[in-house]
């Protein structure tokens, strides 16, 4: 059975895009599709997290259009990115799946769920915000650090708790993330990054009454975040739980934007309970 480090990169054509993806884990009737953060690709996931999920079900990682090894032009709206995911899962002929979105991927997951909830069994939103959510008060520093080539120090500040324990967890994540040495995903290039920036700015504006569109997502949803998310403030996770009709919320202590990378074993345990 392949793992995060050994799963080969595969490609499938849909809607004029050559999508890069990887499938691995325990064969299951309902796989889980994982959608990545701003500038992130297949190799930005934490293997401790993905392999933990893959111990009990099949995992599918995908690069959206224009990201990493996927071809095509990156949409400048979150809804456009969700249309790409629609094309991708249709091409794979997935009748039903669980969907987990992290950060910008969580925005895409919401946009997809608003239109195609009948395809999703359960939804997981990690370190993300609803359309019209609160912007970060650390915008200038986030913009300086959140680059396609962000290093260990930048990722520690952006994704983890700022305590000694948080920094130590970031260092462990950084080592795990680079364990794969062959068939690595290329970094996203500037046109993709600029398109993602435009999509993120557009997501800040509500469509109609603020948060009213979340009522359309009625499927079981798990919302998770860290205690202090400097990228997408943690209050946004509370907004999601309050306005999604069937959502539960978990906040992890002494942590930031990526609690599933800081506490991978604990997060997977919660996730397994929810998905089961």
Protein backbone atom coordinates (compact mmCIF):
# COMPACT_ATOMS: atom_id res chain seq x y z
CA UNK A 1 0.00 0.00 0.00
CA UNK A 2 1.38 3.40 -0.97
CA UNK A 3 1.99 6.14 1.58
CA UNK A 4 2.34 9.90 1.31
CA UNK A 5 6.03 9.48 0.48
CA UNK A 6 5.62 6.73 -2.14
CA UNK A 7 2.31 7.44 -3.90
CA UNK A 8 3.04 8.29 -7.55
CA UNK A 9 1.78 11.53 -9.03
CA UNK A 10 -1.00 10.76 -11.49
CA UNK A 11 -2.75 12.98 -14.04
CA UNK A 12 -6.27 13.21 -15.39
CA UNK A 13 -7.77 15.57 -17.96
CA UNK A 14 -10.95 17.50 -17.21
CA UNK A 15 -12.32 20.77 -18.57
CA UNK A 16 -9.13 21.46 -20.50
CA UNK A 17 -6.90 21.05 -17.42
CA UNK A 18 -4.31 18.32 -16.79
CA UNK A 19 -4.85 17.75 -13.03
CA UNK A 20 -2.03 16.36 -10.87
CA UNK A 21 -3.18 14.15 -8.01
CA UNK A 22 -2.15 11.29 -5.74
CA UNK A 23 -4.29 8.45 -4.34
CA UNK A 24 -3.14 6.24 -1.48
CA UNK A 25 -4.30 4.57 1.70
CA UNK A 26 -6.75 1.88 2.68
CA UNK A 27 -9.33 1.20 -0.06
CA UNK A 28 -12.69 2.51 1.09
CA UNK A 29 -16.16 2.97 -0.36
CA UNK A 30 -15.98 6.70 0.42
CA UNK A 31 -12.57 8.32 -0.14
CA UNK A 32 -11.61 11.68 1.33
CA UNK A 33 -10.53 14.45 -1.06
CA UNK A 34 -8.11 17.02 0.43
CA UNK A 35 -7.93 20.63 -0.82
CA UNK A 36 -4.80 22.63 -0.05
CA UNK A 37 -3.96 26.11 1.23
CA UNK A 38 -2.85 29.29 -0.59
CA UNK A 39 0.22 28.56 -2.80
CA UNK A 40 0.29 24.97 -1.48
CA UNK A 41 0.57 21.81 -3.54
CA UNK A 42 0.78 18.06 -3.09
CA UNK A 43 3.96 18.21 -1.03
CA UNK A 44 2.83 20.88 1.41
CA UNK A 45 0.68 18.36 3.32
CA UNK A 46 2.06 16.86 6.51
CA UNK A 47 2.71 13.12 5.97
CA UNK A 48 1.92 12.44 9.63
CA UNK A 49 -1.56 13.80 8.97
CA UNK A 50 -2.22 12.31 5.52
CA UNK A 51 -0.82 8.88 6.42
CA UNK A 52 -2.85 8.97 9.62
CA UNK A 53 -6.02 9.57 7.62
CA UNK A 54 -4.96 6.96 5.06
CA UNK A 55 -4.69 4.27 7.74
CA UNK A 56 -8.46 3.81 7.61
CA UNK A 57 -9.56 5.20 4.22
CA UNK A 58 -8.38 6.22 0.79
CA UNK A 59 -6.92 9.72 0.50
CA UNK A 60 -6.93 11.80 -2.69
CA UNK A 61 -4.69 14.89 -2.89
CA UNK A 62 -5.12 17.24 -5.85
CA UNK A 63 -3.55 20.39 -7.28
CA UNK A 64 -6.22 22.81 -8.48
CA UNK A 65 -5.88 24.36 -11.94
CA UNK A 66 -2.55 26.11 -12.41
CA UNK A 67 -1.21 24.93 -9.04
CA UNK A 68 1.92 22.79 -8.79
CA UNK A 69 2.03 20.25 -11.61
CA UNK A 70 -1.54 20.92 -12.78
CA UNK A 71 -1.91 22.86 -16.01
CA UNK A 72 -4.46 25.52 -16.85
CA UNK A 73 -5.21 28.99 -15.60
CA UNK A 74 -5.94 29.48 -11.91
CA UNK A 75 -9.42 31.03 -11.42
CA UNK A 76 -9.58 34.42 -9.72
CA UNK A 77 -12.60 33.48 -7.60
CA UNK A 78 -13.15 30.76 -5.04
CA UNK A 79 -16.27 29.69 -6.89
CA UNK A 80 -14.21 29.24 -10.05
CA UNK A 81 -11.80 27.03 -8.12
CA UNK A 82 -14.77 24.98 -6.87
CA UNK A 83 -15.84 24.46 -10.49
CA UNK A 84 -12.39 22.98 -11.14
CA UNK A 85 -12.87 20.53 -8.27
CA UNK A 86 -16.25 19.61 -9.74
CA UNK A 87 -14.56 18.78 -13.04
CA UNK A 88 -11.83 16.80 -11.28
CA UNK A 89 -14.10 14.58 -9.15
CA UNK A 90 -16.39 14.07 -12.15
CA UNK A 91 -13.40 12.90 -14.19
CA UNK A 92 -12.51 10.43 -11.43
CA UNK A 93 -16.17 9.29 -11.43
CA UNK A 94 -16.47 9.56 -7.65
CA UNK A 95 -20.13 8.92 -6.78
CA UNK A 96 -19.66 10.07 -3.19
CA UNK A 97 -16.74 11.30 -1.10
CA UNK A 98 -15.78 13.16 2.05
CA UNK A 99 -14.25 16.59 1.46
CA UNK A 100 -11.61 18.27 3.63
CA UNK A 101 -10.45 21.79 2.85
CA UNK A 102 -7.63 23.63 4.59
CA UNK A 103 -7.37 27.45 4.53
CA UNK A 104 -8.11 28.55 0.95
CA UNK A 105 -8.99 24.93 0.29
CA UNK A 106 -11.66 25.25 2.99
CA UNK A 107 -13.15 28.19 1.11
CA UNK A 108 -13.20 26.10 -2.07
CA UNK A 109 -14.81 23.23 -0.15
CA UNK A 110 -17.58 25.55 1.05
CA UNK A 111 -18.21 26.88 -2.44
CA UNK A 112 -18.35 23.33 -3.80
CA UNK A 113 -20.69 22.17 -1.03
CA UNK A 114 -23.12 25.03 -1.71
CA UNK A 115 -23.62 23.71 -5.24
CA UNK A 116 -23.00 19.95 -4.97
CA UNK A 117 -23.87 18.86 -1.44
CA UNK A 118 -25.49 15.70 -2.83
CA UNK A 119 -22.02 14.42 -3.79
CA UNK A 120 -20.43 14.93 -0.35
CA UNK A 121 -21.03 12.60 2.61
CA UNK A 122 -19.23 14.72 5.24
CA UNK A 123 -17.39 18.05 5.14
CA UNK A 124 -14.30 19.14 7.12
CA UNK A 125 -13.16 22.79 7.24
CA UNK A 126 -9.75 23.50 8.80
CA UNK A 127 -8.21 26.92 9.44
CA UNK A 128 -10.59 28.70 7.10
CA UNK A 129 -13.31 31.35 6.98
CA UNK A 130 -16.75 31.89 5.45
CA UNK A 131 -17.34 34.31 2.61
CA UNK A 132 -17.43 37.75 4.19
CA UNK A 133 -15.39 36.65 7.20
CA UNK A 134 -13.14 38.84 9.34
CA UNK A 135 -9.75 39.71 7.79
CA UNK A 136 -6.53 39.20 9.71
CA UNK A 137 -5.20 42.10 11.79
CA UNK A 138 -1.71 40.87 10.87
CA UNK A 139 -2.17 41.51 7.15
CA UNK A 140 1.17 43.19 6.48
CA UNK A 141 3.21 40.47 8.18
CA UNK A 142 1.14 37.68 6.63
CA UNK A 143 1.69 39.18 3.17
CA UNK A 144 5.42 39.33 3.82
CA UNK A 145 5.68 35.73 5.04
CA UNK A 146 3.01 33.88 2.99
CA UNK A 147 4.97 33.31 -0.19
CA UNK A 148 5.23 30.32 -2.50
CA UNK A 149 8.80 29.72 -1.26
CA UNK A 150 8.12 30.28 2.45
CA UNK A 151 10.79 28.66 4.61
CA UNK A 152 10.68 26.98 8.00
CA UNK A 153 10.67 30.22 10.00
CA UNK A 154 7.82 31.71 7.94
CA UNK A 155 5.75 28.53 8.10
CA UNK A 156 6.26 28.29 11.86
CA UNK A 157 4.95 31.82 12.37
CA UNK A 158 2.04 31.41 9.93
CA UNK A 159 0.82 27.91 10.81
CA UNK A 160 1.83 27.03 14.38
CA UNK A 161 1.57 28.27 17.93
CA UNK A 162 4.23 30.85 18.82
CA UNK A 163 5.30 29.14 22.04
CA UNK A 164 8.42 26.99 22.35
CA UNK A 165 6.21 23.92 21.96
CA UNK A 166 4.64 25.36 18.83
CA UNK A 167 8.02 26.14 17.29
CA UNK A 168 9.25 22.63 18.09
CA UNK A 169 6.15 21.17 16.42
CA UNK A 170 6.84 23.33 13.35
CA UNK A 171 10.40 21.99 13.13
CA UNK A 172 9.13 18.41 13.25
CA UNK A 173 6.55 19.18 10.56
CA UNK A 174 9.23 20.75 8.37
CA UNK A 175 11.32 17.59 8.51
CA UNK A 176 8.33 15.34 7.77
CA UNK A 177 7.22 17.52 4.86
CA UNK A 178 10.57 17.11 3.13
CA UNK A 179 10.89 13.36 3.62
CA UNK A 180 9.70 12.73 0.07
CA UNK A 181 12.69 13.24 -2.22
CA UNK A 182 11.48 11.97 -5.61
CA UNK A 183 8.55 12.92 -7.85
CA UNK A 184 8.00 16.12 -5.90
CA UNK A 185 5.41 18.68 -6.89
CA UNK A 186 6.83 21.87 -8.47
CA UNK A 187 6.14 25.17 -6.68
CA UNK A 188 3.29 27.36 -7.86
CA UNK A 189 4.38 30.24 -10.08
CA UNK A 190 3.55 33.93 -9.80
CA UNK A 191 0.47 33.99 -12.13
CA UNK A 192 -1.15 31.35 -9.94
CA UNK A 193 -0.23 33.16 -6.72
CA UNK A 194 -1.64 36.46 -8.02
CA UNK A 195 -4.86 34.74 -9.09
CA UNK A 196 -5.19 33.19 -5.64
CA UNK A 197 -4.63 36.59 -4.02
CA UNK A 198 -7.44 38.01 -6.16
CA UNK A 199 -9.73 35.12 -5.18
CA UNK A 200 -8.96 35.63 -1.49
CA UNK A 201 -9.78 39.33 -1.70
CA UNK A 202 -13.04 38.60 -3.51
CA UNK A 203 -13.97 36.09 -0.75
CA UNK A 204 -13.88 38.89 1.83
CA UNK A 205 -17.03 40.43 0.31
CA UNK A 206 -20.32 38.80 1.36
CA UNK A 207 -22.88 37.80 -1.24
CA UNK A 208 -26.11 39.22 0.14
CA UNK A 209 -26.74 38.98 3.88
CA UNK A 210 -23.52 38.10 5.68
CA UNK A 211 -23.20 34.33 6.28
CA UNK A 212 -26.75 33.62 5.06
CA UNK A 213 -25.40 31.45 2.23
CA UNK A 214 -24.00 28.97 4.78
CA UNK A 215 -27.55 27.75 5.43
CA UNK A 216 -27.30 25.93 2.10
CA UNK A 217 -24.68 23.56 3.54
CA UNK A 218 -26.78 21.18 5.63
CA UNK A 219 -24.52 18.11 5.58
CA UNK A 220 -22.56 17.08 8.71
CA UNK A 221 -19.55 19.40 9.05
CA UNK A 222 -16.51 19.46 11.29
CA UNK A 223 -14.87 22.88 11.75
CA UNK A 224 -11.40 22.99 13.32
CA UNK A 225 -8.77 25.61 13.99
CA UNK A 226 -6.01 26.64 16.36
CA UNK A 227 -6.34 28.92 19.37
CA UNK A 228 -4.79 31.90 17.55
CA UNK A 229 -4.96 31.79 13.76
CA UNK A 230 -2.92 34.76 12.49
CA UNK A 231 -3.92 34.18 8.85
CA UNK A 232 -7.70 33.65 9.06
CA UNK A 233 -8.68 34.73 12.58
CA UNK A 234 -10.10 31.95 14.73
CA UNK A 235 -13.37 33.86 15.19
CA UNK A 236 -14.17 32.86 11.60
CA UNK A 237 -14.32 29.23 12.66
CA UNK A 238 -16.89 30.21 15.29
CA UNK A 239 -18.90 32.03 12.59
CA UNK A 240 -18.89 28.85 10.52
CA UNK A 241 -20.10 26.71 13.41
CA UNK A 242 -22.83 29.20 14.30
CA UNK A 243 -24.21 29.53 10.77
CA UNK A 244 -23.76 26.04 9.32
CA UNK A 245 -26.90 24.10 10.32
CA UNK A 246 -25.12 20.84 11.20
CA UNK A 247 -21.61 21.77 12.32
CA UNK A 248 -19.40 21.05 15.30
CA UNK A 249 -16.27 23.00 16.27
CA UNK A 250 -12.91 21.94 17.73
CA UNK A 251 -10.26 24.50 18.76
CA UNK A 252 -6.79 23.19 19.62
CA UNK A 253 -4.69 24.81 22.37
CA UNK A 254 -1.45 26.72 21.88
CA UNK A 255 -1.77 26.47 18.11
CA UNK A 256 -2.36 28.47 14.97
CA UNK A 257 -3.61 28.12 11.41
CA UNK A 258 -2.72 24.42 10.97
CA UNK A 259 -3.74 22.40 14.06
CA UNK A 260 -3.72 19.20 11.96
CA UNK A 261 0.02 19.72 11.39
CA UNK A 262 0.80 20.68 15.00
CA UNK A 263 -1.26 17.84 16.52
CA UNK A 264 -1.54 15.28 13.69
CA UNK A 265 -2.27 12.21 15.83
CA UNK A 266 -4.88 13.95 17.97
CA UNK A 267 -6.47 15.59 14.93
CA UNK A 268 -6.69 12.28 13.06
CA UNK A 269 -8.36 10.68 16.09
CA UNK A 270 -11.06 13.38 16.07
CA UNK A 271 -11.38 13.11 12.30
CA UNK A 272 -11.81 9.34 12.39
CA UNK A 273 -14.62 9.69 14.91
CA UNK A 274 -16.34 12.28 12.77
CA UNK A 275 -15.96 10.46 9.45
CA UNK A 276 -17.03 7.15 10.98
